[in-house]
Protein backbone atom coordinates (compact mmCIF):
# COMPACT_ATOMS: atom_id res chain seq x y z
CA MET A 1 0.11 0.00 0.07
CA ALA A 2 1.61 3.92 -1.30
CA GLY A 3 2.14 5.34 1.96
CA GLN A 4 1.37 2.35 4.18
CA VAL A 5 2.46 3.46 7.68
CA GLY A 6 1.11 0.13 9.79
CA SER A 7 -0.41 -3.43 9.52
CA VAL A 8 -3.49 -2.91 11.34
CA ALA A 9 -5.45 0.34 13.15
CA VAL A 10 -8.56 -0.35 15.71
CA VAL A 11 -10.95 2.63 16.26
CA LEU A 12 -12.50 2.91 19.49
CA GLY A 13 -16.36 4.10 18.43
CA GLY A 14 -17.88 3.69 15.02
CA SER A 15 -19.85 6.94 15.11
CA MET A 16 -18.86 10.15 13.30
CA ALA A 17 -15.83 10.59 14.40
CA GLY A 18 -14.93 7.08 14.71
CA SER A 19 -16.09 6.22 10.99
CA LEU A 20 -14.14 9.36 9.56
CA ALA A 21 -11.09 8.41 11.39
CA ALA A 22 -11.33 4.76 9.74
CA ARG A 23 -11.73 6.54 6.46
CA VAL A 24 -8.33 8.26 6.83
CA LEU A 25 -6.55 5.50 8.51
CA SER A 26 -7.70 3.05 5.34
CA GLU A 27 -5.22 5.58 3.48
CA SER A 28 -2.11 4.49 5.78
CA TYR A 29 -2.96 0.95 7.46
CA GLU A 30 -3.10 -2.58 5.75
CA GLU A 31 -6.35 -3.35 7.98
CA VAL A 32 -8.67 -1.33 9.88
CA LEU A 33 -11.07 -2.22 12.84
CA VAL A 34 -13.95 0.20 14.07
CA LEU A 35 -15.10 -1.60 17.52
CA ASP A 36 -18.49 -0.48 18.75
CA ARG A 37 -21.14 -2.07 21.04
CA ASP A 38 -24.09 -1.40 19.20
CA VAL A 39 -25.45 -2.70 15.70
CA LEU A 40 -24.18 0.35 13.16
CA LEU A 41 -24.69 -0.92 9.72
CA GLY A 42 -27.91 0.19 8.06
CA VAL A 43 -28.88 2.10 11.30
CA THR A 44 -30.93 4.70 10.33
CA THR A 45 -32.42 5.28 13.70
CA PRO A 46 -31.15 6.55 17.29
CA ARG A 47 -29.38 3.79 18.92
CA ARG A 48 -28.67 2.82 22.80
CA GLY A 49 -24.89 3.97 22.69
CA THR A 50 -25.67 7.45 21.46
CA PRO A 51 -29.24 8.77 22.52
CA HIS A 52 -28.37 12.31 21.62
CA THR A 53 -28.72 11.71 17.98
CA ARG A 54 -32.47 11.59 17.89
CA HIS A 55 -32.40 15.69 18.29
CA ALA A 56 -31.51 18.39 16.06
CA HIS A 57 -28.08 18.24 14.35
CA GLY A 58 -26.55 20.16 11.42
CA LEU A 59 -23.33 19.27 9.29
CA HIS A 60 -22.04 22.89 8.33
CA ALA A 61 -19.36 24.63 5.97
CA ARG A 62 -16.06 23.15 7.53
CA GLY A 63 -17.47 19.42 7.91
CA GLN A 64 -19.64 19.48 4.82
CA ARG A 65 -15.99 20.26 2.76
CA VAL A 66 -14.02 18.09 4.30
CA LEU A 67 -16.66 15.15 4.01
CA GLU A 68 -17.16 16.15 0.27
CA ASP A 69 -13.12 15.64 0.38
CA PHE A 70 -13.47 12.36 2.13
CA PHE A 71 -16.37 11.11 -0.29
CA PRO A 72 -16.62 12.52 -3.52
CA GLY A 73 -20.47 13.48 -4.47
CA PHE A 74 -21.11 13.03 -1.01
CA THR A 75 -23.36 16.29 -0.69
CA ASP A 76 -25.01 15.39 -4.03
CA ASP A 77 -25.90 11.68 -2.90
CA LEU A 78 -27.66 13.31 0.36
CA ARG A 79 -29.66 15.84 -1.65
CA ALA A 80 -30.65 12.98 -4.13
CA SER A 81 -31.62 11.46 -1.32
CA GLY A 82 -34.20 14.13 0.08
CA ALA A 83 -32.08 15.07 2.68
CA PRO A 84 -31.89 19.23 3.63
CA VAL A 85 -28.87 20.53 1.95
CA GLY A 86 -29.24 24.35 1.29
CA ASP A 87 -27.15 27.46 1.96
CA LEU A 88 -26.15 28.29 5.54
CA GLY A 89 -27.09 32.14 5.01
CA GLU A 90 -30.52 30.97 3.86
CA MET A 91 -31.56 29.45 7.17
CA ARG A 92 -34.18 31.84 8.70
CA TRP A 93 -32.06 32.59 11.87
CA TYR A 94 -33.07 34.92 14.68
CA PHE A 95 -30.89 36.57 17.09
CA ASN A 96 -32.22 38.40 20.29
CA GLY A 97 -35.54 38.21 18.75
CA LEU A 98 -34.63 39.99 15.22
CA ARG A 99 -34.21 37.81 11.90
CA LEU A 100 -31.19 37.84 9.73
CA PRO A 101 -32.11 38.54 6.42
CA TYR A 102 -31.81 36.13 4.17
CA THR A 103 -27.99 36.04 2.33
CA HIS A 104 -26.30 33.63 0.13
CA THR A 105 -23.12 32.80 1.46
CA GLY A 106 -21.69 29.91 -0.41
CA LEU A 107 -21.60 27.82 2.44
CA VAL A 108 -23.06 24.45 2.67
CA SER A 109 -25.23 22.93 5.27
CA VAL A 110 -26.47 19.61 5.52
CA THR A 111 -28.98 18.59 8.09
CA PRO A 112 -31.23 15.46 8.12
CA THR A 113 -31.19 13.68 11.23
CA ARG A 114 -27.87 12.59 12.86
CA PRO A 115 -28.78 8.71 11.91
CA VAL A 116 -29.29 9.07 8.68
CA LEU A 117 -26.59 11.57 8.13
CA GLU A 118 -23.87 8.73 9.94
CA ASN A 119 -25.69 6.28 7.68
CA HIS A 120 -24.36 7.61 4.58
CA VAL A 121 -21.30 8.01 6.12
CA ARG A 122 -20.65 4.37 7.45
CA THR A 123 -21.99 2.95 4.33
CA ARG A 124 -19.25 4.93 2.03
CA VAL A 125 -16.42 3.71 5.05
CA ALA A 126 -17.67 0.14 5.15
CA ALA A 127 -17.32 -0.26 1.52
CA LEU A 128 -13.96 0.41 1.76
CA PRO A 129 -12.19 -2.83 1.29
CA ASN A 130 -9.62 -2.83 4.12
CA VAL A 131 -12.32 -1.54 7.00
CA THR A 132 -14.37 -4.09 8.83
CA TYR A 133 -16.65 -3.00 11.42
CA LEU A 134 -16.86 -5.14 14.53
CA GLU A 135 -20.41 -4.40 15.55
CA GLN A 136 -21.54 -5.57 19.23
CA HIS A 137 -18.05 -5.60 20.88
CA ASP A 138 -17.54 -4.21 24.54
CA ILE A 139 -14.25 -2.35 24.91
CA LEU A 140 -12.84 -3.34 28.22
CA GLY A 141 -9.51 -1.87 28.21
CA LEU A 142 -6.05 -1.12 26.33
CA VAL A 143 -3.20 -3.75 26.12
CA SER A 144 0.20 -2.00 26.29
CA THR A 145 3.84 -3.41 26.42
CA SER A 146 5.42 -4.26 30.00
CA ASP A 147 6.84 -0.72 30.37
CA ASN A 148 3.61 0.94 29.20
CA SER A 149 5.53 3.22 26.84
CA ARG A 150 3.23 1.71 23.97
CA VAL A 151 -0.31 0.80 23.30
CA ILE A 152 -0.37 -2.02 21.33
CA GLY A 153 -4.00 -3.49 21.46
CA VAL A 154 -7.59 -3.56 22.92
CA ARG A 155 -9.38 -6.06 25.26
CA VAL A 156 -12.60 -6.98 23.80
CA ARG A 157 -15.81 -8.97 24.91
CA ASP A 158 -18.04 -10.29 22.15
CA THR A 159 -22.03 -11.41 21.94
CA GLU A 160 -20.66 -14.75 22.99
CA GLY A 161 -19.15 -13.51 26.22
CA THR A 162 -15.76 -14.52 24.74
CA GLU A 163 -12.94 -12.17 25.80
CA LYS A 164 -10.26 -11.41 23.54
CA VAL A 165 -7.05 -9.17 22.39
CA LEU A 166 -7.18 -7.27 19.15
CA ARG A 167 -3.29 -6.34 18.21
CA ALA A 168 -3.22 -3.02 16.71
CA ASP A 169 -0.24 -0.71 15.64
CA LEU A 170 -2.16 2.49 16.34
CA VAL A 171 -5.15 2.55 18.59
CA VAL A 172 -7.70 5.50 17.81
CA ASP A 173 -10.32 6.38 21.08
CA ALA A 174 -13.42 7.80 19.35
CA THR A 175 -15.68 6.59 22.15
CA GLY A 176 -16.88 10.46 22.56
CA ARG A 177 -17.43 12.24 26.29
CA GLY A 178 -17.85 9.27 28.18
CA SER A 179 -14.08 7.89 26.72
CA ARG A 180 -12.36 6.23 29.46
CA THR A 181 -8.67 7.27 27.98
CA PRO A 182 -8.33 9.74 31.32
CA ALA A 183 -8.42 6.68 33.33
CA TRP A 184 -7.03 4.25 31.09
CA LEU A 185 -4.06 6.59 31.30
CA GLU A 186 -3.81 6.70 35.03
CA GLN A 187 -3.81 3.09 35.24
CA LEU A 188 -1.06 3.17 33.04
CA GLY A 189 1.25 5.14 35.00
CA TYR A 190 0.13 8.64 33.10
CA ALA A 191 -1.39 11.44 34.46
CA ARG A 192 -5.08 12.50 33.19
CA PRO A 193 -5.65 15.42 31.06
CA THR A 194 -6.58 18.51 33.04
CA GLU A 195 -10.13 19.85 31.69
CA ASP A 196 -11.98 23.06 30.54
CA ARG A 197 -15.82 22.80 31.72
CA VAL A 198 -18.69 25.20 31.25
CA LYS A 199 -21.28 23.86 32.68
CA ILE A 200 -24.65 24.78 31.17
CA GLY A 201 -27.23 22.70 32.15
CA LEU A 202 -28.79 22.19 28.59
CA ALA A 203 -31.52 20.17 28.14
CA TYR A 204 -33.39 19.66 24.28
CA THR A 205 -36.28 18.15 24.08
CA THR A 206 -37.72 16.91 20.53
CA ARG A 207 -40.65 15.72 18.36
CA PHE A 208 -41.55 14.74 14.83
CA TYR A 209 -44.09 15.82 12.85
CA ARG A 210 -45.73 15.35 9.35
CA ARG A 211 -44.58 18.19 7.40
CA PRO A 212 -47.70 20.76 7.50
CA PRO A 213 -49.13 21.45 3.82
CA GLY A 214 -47.62 24.61 2.30
CA SER A 215 -44.64 25.06 4.74
CA PHE A 216 -41.01 25.50 4.62
CA THR A 217 -41.79 27.17 0.93
CA ASP A 218 -38.69 29.71 1.38
CA THR A 219 -36.76 27.63 3.60
CA TRP A 220 -35.84 24.53 5.24
CA SER A 221 -35.11 25.85 8.62
CA ILE A 222 -36.22 28.24 11.54
CA ASN A 223 -34.06 28.91 14.34
CA PRO A 224 -34.58 31.11 17.16
CA VAL A 225 -31.10 31.20 18.89
CA ALA A 226 -31.21 31.34 22.73
CA SER A 227 -29.47 34.27 24.06
CA PRO A 228 -29.03 36.35 27.50
CA GLN A 229 -32.21 38.04 26.52
CA HIS A 230 -34.14 35.12 25.39
CA PRO A 231 -32.72 31.91 26.87
CA ARG A 232 -35.26 29.46 25.55
CA GLY A 233 -34.42 28.41 21.95
CA ALA A 234 -35.72 26.28 19.44
CA PHE A 235 -34.36 24.33 16.05
CA PHE A 236 -37.49 23.52 13.64
CA GLY A 237 -36.65 22.58 10.27
CA LEU A 238 -37.17 19.67 7.66
CA SER A 239 -35.62 16.78 8.49
CA ASP A 240 -36.86 14.95 5.21
CA GLU A 241 -39.22 15.64 2.23
CA ASP A 242 -42.33 14.61 4.62
CA THR A 243 -41.32 15.60 8.20
CA CYS A 244 -40.25 18.29 10.46
CA ILE A 245 -38.20 17.98 13.84
CA VAL A 246 -38.78 20.53 16.47
CA SER A 247 -35.71 20.55 18.90
CA LEU A 248 -36.70 23.07 22.23
CA THR A 249 -33.58 24.17 23.93
CA GLY A 250 -33.66 25.52 27.98
CA ILE A 251 -30.49 26.02 30.22
CA LEU A 252 -29.75 25.94 33.84
CA GLY A 253 -32.63 23.73 34.55
CA ASP A 254 -35.22 25.68 32.46
CA HIS A 255 -36.02 22.38 30.58
CA PRO A 256 -38.40 22.05 27.51
CA PRO A 257 -41.46 19.71 29.02
CA THR A 258 -42.04 16.70 27.07
CA ASP A 259 -45.88 16.31 27.48
CA PRO A 260 -47.87 17.94 24.16
CA GLU A 261 -49.47 21.31 26.32
CA GLY A 262 -45.94 21.74 28.08
CA PHE A 263 -44.26 21.43 24.41
CA LEU A 264 -46.32 23.66 22.79
CA ALA A 265 -46.51 26.21 25.48
CA PHE A 266 -42.67 26.57 25.75
CA ALA A 267 -42.87 26.84 21.80
CA LYS A 268 -45.21 29.45 22.40
CA SER A 269 -43.05 31.47 24.89
CA LEU A 270 -40.67 31.65 22.23
CA PRO A 271 -39.38 35.80 21.23
CA VAL A 272 -40.86 34.86 17.57
CA PRO A 273 -43.93 33.01 16.67
CA ASP A 274 -42.70 31.08 14.01
CA VAL A 275 -42.44 27.71 15.66
CA TYR A 276 -45.52 27.71 17.48
CA ASP A 277 -47.27 28.67 14.82
CA GLY A 278 -46.04 25.98 12.55
CA ILE A 279 -46.48 23.06 14.76
CA LYS A 280 -49.86 24.08 16.86
CA ASP A 281 -52.01 22.32 14.59
CA ALA A 282 -49.30 19.39 12.49
CA GLU A 283 -49.52 16.25 12.95
CA PRO A 284 -47.15 15.02 15.98
CA LEU A 285 -45.22 11.37 14.91
CA ASP A 286 -44.07 10.51 18.20
CA ASP A 287 -43.95 11.60 21.85
CA ALA A 288 -41.49 14.42 22.76
CA THR A 289 -37.80 13.01 24.41
CA SER A 290 -35.43 15.09 26.13
CA PHE A 291 -31.55 14.73 26.10
CA GLY A 292 -29.63 16.69 28.93
CA PHE A 293 -26.60 18.08 28.12
CA PRO A 294 -24.75 19.44 31.80
CA ALA A 295 -21.45 21.21 30.44
CA SER A 296 -19.00 21.65 27.82
CA VAL A 297 -15.66 19.94 28.36
CA ARG A 298 -12.44 19.95 26.50
CA ARG A 299 -9.98 18.10 27.93
CA ARG A 300 -6.15 18.99 27.52
CA TYR A 301 -4.30 16.63 25.74
CA GLU A 302 -2.09 19.16 24.09
CA HIS A 303 -0.29 19.91 27.43
CA LEU A 304 0.47 16.05 28.24
CA THR A 305 4.23 16.01 28.57
CA GLU A 306 4.12 12.01 28.72
CA PHE A 307 1.59 9.97 26.51
CA PRO A 308 2.13 6.23 25.35
CA ALA A 309 2.80 5.63 21.83
CA GLY A 310 0.15 3.78 19.56
CA LEU A 311 -2.92 5.92 20.88
CA LEU A 312 -4.60 8.76 19.74
CA VAL A 313 -7.79 10.25 20.66
CA LEU A 314 -10.53 12.80 18.28
CA GLY A 315 -13.83 13.83 18.56
CA ASP A 316 -15.72 14.35 21.78
CA ALA A 317 -13.77 12.17 23.53
CA ILE A 318 -10.99 15.56 23.39
CA CYS A 319 -14.07 18.36 23.56
CA SER A 320 -17.56 18.21 23.64
CA PHE A 321 -19.04 21.39 22.86
CA ASN A 322 -22.68 22.95 23.45
CA PRO A 323 -24.31 21.49 20.78
CA VAL A 324 -26.60 24.41 20.46
CA TYR A 325 -23.80 25.94 18.24
CA GLY A 326 -23.85 23.07 15.76
CA GLN A 327 -20.09 22.46 15.86
CA GLY A 328 -19.43 18.68 17.37
CA MET A 329 -19.64 16.74 14.04
CA SER A 330 -17.82 19.90 11.82
CA VAL A 331 -14.89 19.64 14.36
CA ALA A 332 -14.44 15.83 14.34
CA ALA A 333 -14.41 15.79 10.80
CA TRP A 334 -11.74 18.95 10.52
CA GLU A 335 -9.93 16.45 13.61
CA ALA A 336 -10.24 13.54 11.24
CA PHE A 337 -8.75 15.90 7.91
CA THR A 338 -6.14 16.92 10.42
CA LEU A 339 -4.91 13.28 11.42
CA ARG A 340 -4.93 12.28 7.86
CA GLU A 341 -1.75 15.25 7.32
CA HIS A 342 0.24 13.71 10.07
CA LEU A 343 -0.67 10.12 8.66
CA ARG A 344 0.67 11.46 5.32
CA ALA A 345 4.05 12.36 7.22
CA GLY A 346 4.95 8.82 8.22
CA GLU A 347 3.50 7.16 11.87
CA VAL A 348 2.17 9.95 14.16
CA ASP A 349 3.94 11.76 16.90
CA GLN A 350 1.37 12.03 19.46
CA TYR A 351 2.26 15.16 20.76
CA ALA A 352 2.44 17.13 17.59
CA TYR A 353 -0.93 15.27 16.73
CA PHE A 354 -2.39 17.08 19.63
CA ARG A 355 -0.83 20.35 19.33
CA ASP A 356 -2.46 20.58 16.37
CA ILE A 357 -6.03 19.29 17.49
CA GLY A 358 -6.10 21.74 20.24
CA GLN A 359 -5.35 24.55 17.15
CA VAL A 360 -8.31 23.14 15.24
CA VAL A 361 -10.68 22.98 18.82
CA ASP A 362 -9.15 26.77 19.45
CA ALA A 363 -11.64 28.75 17.35
CA PRO A 364 -14.80 26.60 18.00
CA TRP A 365 -14.39 26.34 21.70
CA ALA A 366 -13.73 29.98 22.19
CA VAL A 367 -17.35 30.41 20.23
CA SER A 368 -19.05 28.29 22.12
CA ALA A 369 -17.24 28.64 25.63
CA SER A 370 -17.27 32.46 25.58
CA GLY A 371 -21.11 32.40 23.95
CA ASP A 372 -22.19 30.18 26.75
CA LEU A 373 -20.91 33.05 29.64
CA ALA A 374 -22.96 35.94 28.08
CA PHE A 375 -25.44 34.37 30.44
CA PRO A 376 -25.18 35.81 33.51
CA GLU A 377 -26.09 32.80 35.26
CA VAL A 378 -23.58 30.53 33.98
CA GLU A 379 -20.47 29.79 36.20
CA GLY A 380 -17.13 30.30 34.88
CA GLU A 381 -14.38 33.01 34.85
CA ARG A 382 -14.98 36.11 32.50
CA THR A 383 -11.57 37.47 31.38
CA PRO A 384 -12.04 41.19 29.76
CA GLU A 385 -11.39 39.52 26.70
CA ILE A 386 -14.75 37.34 27.15
CA GLU A 387 -16.77 40.27 28.33
CA GLN A 388 -15.69 42.71 25.60
CA GLY A 389 -15.99 39.51 22.79
CA ASN A 390 -19.79 39.39 23.77
CA ALA A 391 -20.40 42.80 24.08
CA PHE A 392 -19.55 43.26 20.49
CA MET A 393 -21.35 40.27 19.37
CA GLY A 394 -24.31 41.83 20.61
CA LEU A 395 -23.80 44.57 18.44
CA LEU A 396 -22.79 42.71 15.67
CA GLN A 397 -25.79 40.55 15.51
CA TYR A 398 -28.05 43.51 15.70
CA ALA A 399 -26.20 44.96 12.73
CA ALA A 400 -26.48 41.57 10.94
CA SER A 401 -30.36 42.00 11.15
CA LYS A 402 -29.83 44.75 8.79
CA ASP A 403 -26.59 44.03 6.53
CA GLN A 404 -26.08 40.97 4.34
CA GLU A 405 -22.09 41.51 4.37
CA ILE A 406 -22.28 41.35 8.40
CA VAL A 407 -24.19 38.16 8.04
CA LYS A 408 -21.88 36.40 5.08
CA ALA A 409 -18.84 37.33 7.96
CA PHE A 410 -21.06 36.01 11.07
CA MET A 411 -21.98 32.97 8.95
CA ARG A 412 -17.95 32.02 8.07
CA VAL A 413 -17.60 31.63 11.68
CA ALA A 414 -20.58 30.15 12.68
CA GLY A 415 -19.39 27.66 9.89
CA LEU A 416 -15.98 27.41 11.14
CA ILE A 417 -14.36 28.54 8.19
CA ASP A 418 -12.73 31.89 9.00
CA PRO A 419 -11.79 32.40 13.33
CA PRO A 420 -13.91 34.36 15.65
CA THR A 421 -10.96 36.94 15.30
CA ALA A 422 -12.05 37.57 11.55
CA LEU A 423 -14.90 39.64 13.23
CA MET A 424 -12.67 42.31 14.47
CA ASP A 425 -11.61 43.19 10.70
CA PRO A 426 -11.60 46.91 11.13
CA GLU A 427 -13.78 47.46 7.90
CA LEU A 428 -16.28 44.80 9.35
CA VAL A 429 -16.22 46.52 12.72
CA GLN A 430 -17.18 49.98 11.10
CA ARG A 431 -19.97 48.33 9.08
CA VAL A 432 -21.22 46.88 12.48
CA LEU A 433 -20.84 50.58 14.23
CA ALA A 434 -22.73 52.08 11.32
CA HIS A 435 -25.79 49.94 12.21
CA GLN A 436 -26.10 50.86 15.67
CA PRO A 437 -29.24 51.99 16.75
CA ALA A 438 -29.34 56.33 18.15
CA ASP A 439 -30.50 54.92 21.89
CA GLY A 440 -27.89 52.43 22.10
CA ALA A 441 -30.26 49.80 22.30
CA ALA A 442 -28.94 47.01 20.10
CA GLY A 443 -29.06 43.52 21.01
CA GLN A 444 -32.70 43.55 22.57
CA ALA A 445 -35.79 42.55 20.29
CA ALA A 446 -37.50 44.96 18.40
């Protein structure tokens, strides 16, 4: 195999991050094994190991571009299957109760249900001749050399209860926010990575409806985003041509109810009527269910000075973002792209890899962590930079409701194409300031 780095790579976890890791590892290893405790292949509904996938998800610009690179024609195939695909700026966005004008940005957003999107990815990865999904395998722990300097495999248990060791030149942990790598490192005599946490106490409550006749004629997604002035939010959009998804969001214990009356009342309390008006007479297709997200967590693997060879971490196992920002899948794709760059240079230096992954995470973490700290009740350190940035963001969102050029710049940051610092471009700042009301009431709902 051209560019071969090793014989066997094992990926722990077969969700989006794990499948994308397998895609890039297939270019550098003779054999790639993907382990997961669930049945994965052909599954298009939420499964036991990923209950959060029932709720609204989006693959935005950076992630869409990476997947198109990994799987040429991927976006067209999704569109042809009936999945919602469109311009990120042509969703109906509301910030602080103010609507942004529809703006063509050239940034593609893909928003089928998460299980459907993952099935499209896994189908392509499983078709690679050197990739095998080992479903219904429990991951018991790592196997290392006698001096614990290198990971050489993983212990697993199959459906018959048989335990065995799978030898590997490289093990990649993509098991998500419940990753056991910190504990495994401690067992091997290494330090755990330090963690940054922002406690947001978020809950999603989601219900599916049959698409009402005549709805979604000018967009496919309506998103009143939560803000300090209006801390309740929602994502309301098409999940396919005939079905709508509604995910209501609330923070710090103000969680959307699951009973029909409470669900509708919560929707009615949003600062704009679009969601309530869209579902009040619609036919529900299921009962509402909730999923809790207590905190965003970033594990600082890039700060470790000792780490075993033969082990890497990727995806939510490194950083789990507040999902309202829609970053998780796109960041996982970006990290997989970064892994590919390291593999093309030869055997991966884990310290260099974690440094580069840390740089990938920096910008989206700044967006989500700073955004959460704009809510006064959220605990955490507010540096002068965060306070100034959040104050400016309120001004920018107000100005974006008046100026499509500001929308374009804002969406490039939201889509992870540009870093947040791009919003401080002097010309953009002047546009923002030029659109502020004389009474200084920017950021307040009209």
